[in-house]
Amino acid sequence: MARKVIVQLNREGVGQLLRCPEMKAVIEGQAQAMANNLGEGYGARTWYSSKDRRVTAFVGTMTDKAFQKNLEENTVLKAVGGKND
């Protein structure tokens, strides 16, 4: 029989982690890597959210051609690991 494991997160510590410059660099790198894998016409932006100062990233289309391709093939959704069956 498996034993029950209880994990209690340090909410303040996790919040600090999500706001630190090192985490911004990690998230920025991941977002840029996804955009680069998608090819020409896609890009990434990273910023601190205004509400809680946590790092947020966006990967999306930057040109009309990429926008149309994304509409037809869901390229961004697939690149970030989403499903579309």
N, C-alpha and C. Protein backbone atom coordinates (compact mmCIF):
# COMPACT_ATOMS: atom_id res chain seq x y z
N MET A 1 0.84 -1.18 0.00
CA MET A 1 0.00 0.00 0.00
C MET A 1 0.88 1.25 0.00
N ALA A 2 0.56 2.18 -0.86
CA ALA A 2 1.32 3.42 -0.98
C ALA A 2 1.03 4.34 0.20
N ARG A 3 2.09 5.02 0.66
CA ARG A 3 1.91 5.97 1.75
C ARG A 3 1.49 7.32 1.18
N LYS A 4 0.67 8.00 1.93
CA LYS A 4 0.20 9.32 1.52
C LYS A 4 1.28 10.36 1.84
N VAL A 5 1.63 11.15 0.83
CA VAL A 5 2.64 12.18 1.00
C VAL A 5 1.94 13.54 0.94
N ILE A 6 2.23 14.37 1.92
CA ILE A 6 1.64 15.70 1.96
C ILE A 6 2.76 16.71 1.70
N VAL A 7 2.55 17.57 0.71
CA VAL A 7 3.52 18.60 0.37
C VAL A 7 2.90 19.95 0.67
N GLN A 8 3.61 20.76 1.42
CA GLN A 8 3.12 22.09 1.74
C GLN A 8 4.10 23.11 1.18
N LEU A 9 3.64 23.90 0.21
CA LEU A 9 4.49 24.89 -0.42
C LEU A 9 4.65 26.12 0.45
N ASN A 10 5.82 26.70 0.39
CA ASN A 10 6.08 27.98 1.03
C ASN A 10 5.62 29.05 0.03
N ARG A 11 4.41 29.55 0.21
CA ARG A 11 3.80 30.46 -0.77
C ARG A 11 4.64 31.72 -0.97
N GLU A 12 5.18 32.25 0.09
CA GLU A 12 6.00 33.46 -0.03
C GLU A 12 7.26 33.17 -0.84
N GLY A 13 7.87 32.03 -0.60
CA GLY A 13 9.08 31.64 -1.32
C GLY A 13 8.81 31.41 -2.80
N VAL A 14 7.70 30.77 -3.12
CA VAL A 14 7.33 30.55 -4.52
C VAL A 14 7.06 31.88 -5.20
N GLY A 15 6.39 32.79 -4.51
CA GLY A 15 6.12 34.11 -5.06
C GLY A 15 7.41 34.87 -5.35
N GLN A 16 8.37 34.78 -4.45
CA GLN A 16 9.66 35.44 -4.67
C GLN A 16 10.38 34.83 -5.87
N LEU A 17 10.30 33.51 -5.98
CA LEU A 17 10.92 32.82 -7.11
C LEU A 17 10.33 33.30 -8.44
N LEU A 18 9.01 33.44 -8.48
CA LEU A 18 8.34 33.85 -9.72
C LEU A 18 8.59 35.31 -10.08
N ARG A 19 9.13 36.09 -9.15
CA ARG A 19 9.40 37.50 -9.42
C ARG A 19 10.87 37.80 -9.67
N CYS A 20 11.76 36.86 -9.44
CA CYS A 20 13.19 37.15 -9.51
C CYS A 20 13.69 37.25 -10.96
N PRO A 21 14.75 38.02 -11.17
CA PRO A 21 15.31 38.21 -12.52
C PRO A 21 15.78 36.90 -13.16
N GLU A 22 16.26 35.97 -12.35
CA GLU A 22 16.71 34.68 -12.89
C GLU A 22 15.56 33.91 -13.51
N MET A 23 14.38 33.96 -12.88
CA MET A 23 13.22 33.27 -13.43
C MET A 23 12.76 33.95 -14.71
N LYS A 24 12.87 35.28 -14.75
CA LYS A 24 12.51 35.99 -15.98
C LYS A 24 13.39 35.52 -17.12
N ALA A 25 14.68 35.33 -16.85
CA ALA A 25 15.61 34.87 -17.89
C ALA A 25 15.25 33.47 -18.36
N VAL A 26 14.87 32.59 -17.44
CA VAL A 26 14.49 31.22 -17.81
C VAL A 26 13.23 31.23 -18.67
N ILE A 27 12.22 31.95 -18.23
CA ILE A 27 10.95 32.00 -18.96
C ILE A 27 11.13 32.68 -20.32
N GLU A 28 11.92 33.73 -20.34
CA GLU A 28 12.21 34.43 -21.59
C GLU A 28 12.90 33.49 -22.58
N GLY A 29 13.84 32.70 -22.09
CA GLY A 29 14.55 31.74 -22.94
C GLY A 29 13.62 30.68 -23.50
N GLN A 30 12.72 30.16 -22.66
CA GLN A 30 11.77 29.15 -23.11
C GLN A 30 10.82 29.71 -24.17
N ALA A 31 10.31 30.89 -23.93
CA ALA A 31 9.39 31.51 -24.88
C ALA A 31 10.08 31.80 -26.21
N GLN A 32 11.30 32.31 -26.15
CA GLN A 32 12.04 32.61 -27.37
C GLN A 32 12.38 31.34 -28.13
N ALA A 33 12.71 30.26 -27.42
CA ALA A 33 13.00 28.98 -28.07
C ALA A 33 11.77 28.46 -28.82
N MET A 34 10.59 28.58 -28.20
CA MET A 34 9.35 28.16 -28.87
C MET A 34 9.10 28.99 -30.12
N ALA A 35 9.29 30.30 -30.02
CA ALA A 35 9.08 31.18 -31.17
C ALA A 35 10.08 30.85 -32.28
N ASN A 36 11.32 30.58 -31.92
CA ASN A 36 12.33 30.23 -32.92
C ASN A 36 11.99 28.91 -33.61
N ASN A 37 11.47 27.94 -32.86
CA ASN A 37 11.09 26.66 -33.44
C ASN A 37 9.92 26.81 -34.41
N LEU A 38 9.07 27.78 -34.17
CA LEU A 38 7.94 28.01 -35.06
C LEU A 38 8.37 28.60 -36.40
N GLY A 39 9.46 29.32 -36.41
CA GLY A 39 9.99 29.88 -37.66
C GLY A 39 9.67 31.35 -37.84
N GLU A 40 9.82 31.77 -39.07
CA GLU A 40 9.64 33.19 -39.42
C GLU A 40 8.19 33.63 -39.20
N GLY A 41 8.03 34.82 -38.67
CA GLY A 41 6.69 35.38 -38.47
C GLY A 41 6.14 35.19 -37.07
N TYR A 42 6.89 34.50 -36.22
CA TYR A 42 6.46 34.27 -34.84
C TYR A 42 7.44 34.96 -33.90
N GLY A 43 6.97 35.35 -32.74
CA GLY A 43 7.83 36.03 -31.79
C GLY A 43 7.40 35.79 -30.36
N ALA A 44 8.22 36.29 -29.44
CA ALA A 44 7.94 36.12 -28.01
C ALA A 44 8.17 37.45 -27.29
N ARG A 45 7.36 37.68 -26.27
CA ARG A 45 7.51 38.85 -25.40
C ARG A 45 7.44 38.36 -23.96
N THR A 46 8.17 39.03 -23.10
CA THR A 46 8.17 38.70 -21.67
C THR A 46 8.04 39.99 -20.88
N TRP A 47 7.26 39.96 -19.80
CA TRP A 47 7.09 41.15 -18.98
C TRP A 47 6.70 40.73 -17.56
N TYR A 48 6.75 41.69 -16.66
CA TYR A 48 6.25 41.49 -15.30
C TYR A 48 4.80 41.95 -15.27
N SER A 49 3.90 41.13 -14.75
CA SER A 49 2.50 41.53 -14.68
C SER A 49 2.34 42.69 -13.70
N SER A 50 1.40 43.56 -13.98
CA SER A 50 1.23 44.75 -13.14
C SER A 50 0.59 44.43 -11.80
N LYS A 51 -0.18 43.35 -11.74
CA LYS A 51 -0.89 43.03 -10.50
C LYS A 51 0.03 42.50 -9.42
N ASP A 52 0.80 41.46 -9.73
CA ASP A 52 1.61 40.83 -8.68
C ASP A 52 3.09 40.76 -9.01
N ARG A 53 3.51 41.41 -10.11
CA ARG A 53 4.91 41.48 -10.51
C ARG A 53 5.51 40.12 -10.86
N ARG A 54 4.68 39.15 -11.24
CA ARG A 54 5.21 37.86 -11.69
C ARG A 54 5.54 37.93 -13.17
N VAL A 55 6.45 37.07 -13.57
CA VAL A 55 6.89 37.05 -14.96
C VAL A 55 5.82 36.38 -15.83
N THR A 56 5.54 36.99 -16.96
CA THR A 56 4.57 36.46 -17.92
C THR A 56 5.22 36.45 -19.29
N ALA A 57 4.94 35.42 -20.08
CA ALA A 57 5.49 35.34 -21.43
C ALA A 57 4.36 35.13 -22.44
N PHE A 58 4.59 35.61 -23.65
CA PHE A 58 3.65 35.49 -24.75
C PHE A 58 4.40 34.97 -25.97
N VAL A 59 3.86 33.94 -26.61
CA VAL A 59 4.40 33.45 -27.87
C VAL A 59 3.26 33.56 -28.88
N GLY A 60 3.51 34.23 -30.00
CA GLY A 60 2.43 34.40 -30.96
C GLY A 60 2.91 34.84 -32.32
N THR A 61 1.95 35.15 -33.16
CA THR A 61 2.25 35.55 -34.53
C THR A 61 2.61 37.03 -34.59
N MET A 62 3.51 37.35 -35.50
CA MET A 62 3.94 38.73 -35.69
C MET A 62 3.70 39.22 -37.11
N THR A 63 3.30 38.32 -38.01
CA THR A 63 3.03 38.71 -39.39
C THR A 63 1.68 38.15 -39.81
N ASP A 64 1.12 38.70 -40.87
CA ASP A 64 -0.16 38.21 -41.39
C ASP A 64 -0.05 36.77 -41.89
N LYS A 65 1.07 36.45 -42.53
CA LYS A 65 1.27 35.10 -43.05
C LYS A 65 1.29 34.07 -41.91
N ALA A 66 2.02 34.38 -40.84
CA ALA A 66 2.07 33.48 -39.69
C ALA A 66 0.70 33.40 -39.01
N PHE A 67 -0.01 34.51 -38.98
CA PHE A 67 -1.34 34.54 -38.39
C PHE A 67 -2.27 33.59 -39.14
N GLN A 68 -2.23 33.64 -40.46
CA GLN A 68 -3.08 32.76 -41.28
C GLN A 68 -2.70 31.30 -41.08
N LYS A 69 -1.40 31.02 -41.05
CA LYS A 69 -0.94 29.64 -40.83
C LYS A 69 -1.40 29.13 -39.47
N ASN A 70 -1.33 29.99 -38.46
CA ASN A 70 -1.77 29.60 -37.13
C ASN A 70 -3.28 29.32 -37.11
N LEU A 71 -4.05 30.11 -37.83
CA LEU A 71 -5.50 29.87 -37.91
C LEU A 71 -5.79 28.50 -38.51
N GLU A 72 -5.05 28.13 -39.53
CA GLU A 72 -5.29 26.88 -40.24
C GLU A 72 -4.72 25.65 -39.54
N GLU A 73 -3.55 25.81 -38.88
CA GLU A 73 -2.83 24.65 -38.34
C GLU A 73 -2.62 24.67 -36.83
N ASN A 74 -3.05 25.71 -36.15
CA ASN A 74 -2.85 25.84 -34.71
C ASN A 74 -1.39 25.67 -34.31
N THR A 75 -0.50 26.31 -35.03
CA THR A 75 0.93 26.13 -34.82
C THR A 75 1.39 26.56 -33.43
N VAL A 76 0.87 27.67 -32.94
CA VAL A 76 1.30 28.16 -31.62
C VAL A 76 0.81 27.21 -30.53
N LEU A 77 -0.43 26.78 -30.61
CA LEU A 77 -0.97 25.85 -29.62
C LEU A 77 -0.13 24.58 -29.57
N LYS A 78 0.23 24.05 -30.70
CA LYS A 78 1.04 22.83 -30.75
C LYS A 78 2.44 23.08 -30.19
N ALA A 79 3.01 24.24 -30.47
CA ALA A 79 4.37 24.54 -30.02
C ALA A 79 4.47 24.65 -28.51
N VAL A 80 3.41 25.11 -27.87
CA VAL A 80 3.45 25.24 -26.40
C VAL A 80 2.93 24.01 -25.69
N GLY A 81 2.66 22.96 -26.45
CA GLY A 81 2.27 21.69 -25.84
C GLY A 81 0.77 21.53 -25.64
N GLY A 82 -0.02 22.38 -26.25
CA GLY A 82 -1.46 22.27 -26.12
C GLY A 82 -2.01 21.21 -27.05
N LYS A 83 -3.25 20.84 -26.84
CA LYS A 83 -3.90 19.82 -27.66
C LYS A 83 -5.01 20.46 -28.48
N ASN A 84 -5.20 19.95 -29.65
CA ASN A 84 -6.33 20.38 -30.47
C ASN A 84 -6.71 19.20 -31.35
N ASP A 85 -7.58 18.36 -30.83
CA ASP A 85 -7.98 17.14 -31.55
C ASP A 85 -9.17 17.39 -32.42
